[in-house]
Protein backbone atom coordinates (compact mmCIF):
# COMPACT_ATOMS: atom_id res chain seq x y z
CA MET A 1 -7.84 8.89 -40.46
CA SER A 2 -4.27 10.14 -40.23
CA ARG A 3 -1.47 7.66 -39.79
CA SER A 4 -0.71 8.74 -36.20
CA VAL A 5 -4.37 8.55 -35.17
CA ALA A 6 -4.62 5.09 -36.75
CA THR A 7 -1.50 3.99 -34.88
CA LEU A 8 -2.95 5.24 -31.61
CA ALA A 9 -6.22 3.43 -32.31
CA VAL A 10 -4.36 0.16 -32.93
CA LEU A 11 -2.27 0.61 -29.77
CA ALA A 12 -5.40 1.33 -27.74
CA ALA A 13 -7.10 -1.76 -29.15
CA LEU A 14 -4.10 -3.88 -28.16
CA ALA A 15 -4.01 -2.60 -24.58
CA LEU A 16 -4.73 -5.36 -22.12
CA PRO A 17 -7.58 -4.73 -19.69
CA GLY A 18 -6.34 -4.12 -16.17
CA VAL A 19 -2.72 -3.40 -17.04
CA ALA A 20 -2.99 0.33 -16.39
CA ALA A 21 -4.97 -0.30 -13.21
CA ALA A 22 -2.39 -2.80 -11.99
CA GLN A 23 0.28 -0.12 -12.31
CA ASN A 24 -1.76 2.11 -9.98
CA CYS A 25 -2.31 -0.62 -7.39
CA GLU A 26 1.14 -0.46 -5.86
CA ILE A 27 3.68 2.03 -4.62
CA THR A 28 7.25 2.00 -3.38
CA VAL A 29 8.01 4.12 -0.34
CA ASN A 30 11.68 4.80 0.40
CA SER A 31 12.84 5.53 3.94
CA ASN A 32 16.26 6.64 5.16
CA ASP A 33 18.53 7.20 8.14
CA ALA A 34 17.23 10.79 8.47
CA MET A 35 13.78 9.48 9.53
CA GLN A 36 12.06 10.38 6.25
CA TYR A 37 9.67 8.76 3.81
CA ASP A 38 9.94 10.00 0.23
CA VAL A 39 6.14 9.81 -0.14
CA LYS A 40 3.81 12.11 1.80
CA GLU A 41 0.48 11.23 0.20
CA ILE A 42 -0.98 8.07 -1.34
CA VAL A 43 -4.25 7.77 -3.23
CA VAL A 44 -5.53 4.19 -3.47
CA ASP A 45 -7.78 3.52 -6.45
CA LYS A 46 -10.92 1.83 -5.13
CA SER A 47 -11.01 -0.37 -8.26
CA CYS A 48 -7.78 -2.13 -7.22
CA PRO A 49 -8.41 -5.73 -6.17
CA SER A 50 -5.41 -5.38 -3.84
CA TYR A 51 -2.98 -2.56 -3.03
CA THR A 52 0.69 -3.24 -2.31
CA VAL A 53 3.14 -1.01 -0.49
CA THR A 54 6.83 -1.84 -0.85
CA LEU A 55 8.96 -0.23 1.84
CA LYS A 56 12.67 0.18 1.12
CA HIS A 57 15.14 1.34 3.76
CA THR A 58 17.83 3.16 1.77
CA GLY A 59 19.90 3.94 4.86
CA LYS A 60 22.72 1.96 6.44
CA LEU A 61 21.81 1.82 10.14
CA PRO A 62 20.55 -1.48 11.63
CA VAL A 63 16.95 -2.13 12.61
CA ASN A 64 17.63 -1.72 16.36
CA ALA A 65 19.05 1.80 15.81
CA MET A 66 16.99 3.14 12.89
CA GLY A 67 14.26 0.63 12.09
CA HIS A 68 11.37 1.60 9.84
CA ASN A 69 8.00 0.13 9.01
CA TRP A 70 4.85 1.34 7.27
CA VAL A 71 1.63 1.27 9.31
CA LEU A 72 -1.84 2.30 8.14
CA THR A 73 -4.63 3.44 10.47
CA THR A 74 -7.40 5.98 10.38
CA ALA A 75 -6.13 9.48 11.09
CA SER A 76 -8.08 9.49 14.35
CA ASP A 77 -6.39 6.25 15.53
CA TYR A 78 -2.85 7.14 14.47
CA GLU A 79 -1.52 8.68 17.71
CA ALA A 80 -3.02 6.11 20.09
CA THR A 81 -1.87 3.24 17.87
CA GLY A 82 1.65 4.67 17.91
CA ARG A 83 1.67 5.04 21.71
CA ASP A 84 0.39 1.49 22.19
CA GLY A 85 3.00 0.25 19.72
CA ILE A 86 5.85 1.81 21.66
CA ALA A 87 4.55 0.08 24.80
CA ALA A 88 4.44 -3.23 22.88
CA GLY A 89 8.20 -2.95 22.37
CA PRO A 90 10.75 -4.06 19.78
CA ALA A 91 9.87 -7.77 19.99
CA ASN A 92 6.47 -6.84 18.47
CA GLY A 93 7.87 -4.42 15.89
CA TYR A 94 6.50 -1.57 18.02
CA LEU A 95 2.94 -2.63 17.21
CA LYS A 96 0.37 -3.84 19.72
CA PRO A 97 -0.39 -7.47 18.80
CA ASN A 98 -3.78 -8.01 17.13
CA ASP A 99 -4.55 -4.28 17.17
CA LYS A 100 -7.84 -3.91 15.27
CA ARG A 101 -7.04 -0.24 14.51
CA ILE A 102 -4.19 -1.29 12.21
CA ILE A 103 -5.46 -1.76 8.66
CA ALA A 104 -2.10 -2.89 7.25
CA HIS A 105 1.57 -2.86 8.23
CA THR A 106 4.95 -4.04 7.08
CA ASP A 107 7.65 -5.67 9.13
CA MET A 108 10.24 -3.45 10.83
CA ILE A 109 13.39 -3.29 8.67
CA GLY A 110 16.90 -1.87 8.89
CA GLY A 111 19.21 -0.22 6.37
CA GLY A 112 19.43 -1.93 2.99
CA GLN A 113 16.33 -4.06 3.58
CA GLU A 114 12.94 -4.17 1.84
CA THR A 115 9.50 -5.45 2.87
CA LYS A 116 5.97 -5.43 1.43
CA VAL A 117 2.38 -5.46 2.57
CA SER A 118 -0.80 -5.86 0.52
CA PHE A 119 -4.31 -5.00 1.64
CA ASP A 120 -7.83 -4.92 0.21
CA PRO A 121 -8.96 -1.37 -0.65
CA LYS A 122 -12.47 -2.46 0.37
CA LEU A 123 -11.22 -2.06 3.96
CA LEU A 124 -11.13 1.70 3.33
CA LYS A 125 -14.15 4.00 3.43
CA GLU A 126 -14.66 6.99 1.17
CA GLY A 127 -14.51 10.27 3.06
CA THR A 128 -12.38 8.82 5.88
CA ASP A 129 -8.92 10.26 6.53
CA TYR A 130 -6.11 7.70 6.87
CA THR A 131 -2.56 8.13 8.13
CA PHE A 132 0.46 5.99 7.36
CA PHE A 133 3.44 6.21 9.70
CA CYS A 134 6.53 4.51 11.12
CA SER A 135 5.94 3.09 14.60
CA PHE A 136 9.62 3.04 15.68
CA PRO A 137 9.82 5.25 18.82
CA GLY A 138 10.14 8.92 17.94
CA HIS A 139 9.76 8.46 14.19
CA SER A 140 6.06 9.10 13.60
CA SER A 141 6.31 12.86 14.05
CA LEU A 142 8.41 13.04 10.86
CA MET A 143 7.58 9.75 9.14
CA LYS A 144 3.91 10.02 8.35
CA GLY A 145 1.64 10.81 5.46
CA LYS A 146 -1.93 10.87 4.26
CA LEU A 147 -3.73 8.05 2.46
CA THR A 148 -7.07 8.49 0.74
CA LEU A 149 -9.41 6.29 -1.28
CA GLY A 150 -9.92 7.59 -4.81
CA GLY A 151 -10.91 6.53 -8.27
């Protein structure tokens, strides 16, 4: 065995189980004052015991002017959930309280802030299309993306 192959074999043997998977069980999504997420598609590995989304607002505007959150629903529920959220108003983070269509969501944040949400990938079904979006009024047309279950 060559020296480099032996080194790789030793490194592979030393790898801790679950470390690589843990790195794939979270994502950071940046948002800004131009109503944009920097991530358009997320694939959640079904082997993850939990999946964490960290939302960072890299802008400067306050939450009442340019608030952002990260909301996950099925693609078919996305528009109605957004409409109901707008009706729920800012006191509820533009989310209908106890809405069963919402799989996971972060708090609404303003410029310079960060928030997280974790959810169980077992809540997702293979072959189902999911949409993540910002529920602040007028944002979801630009601030949305696709989430799928993979692995």
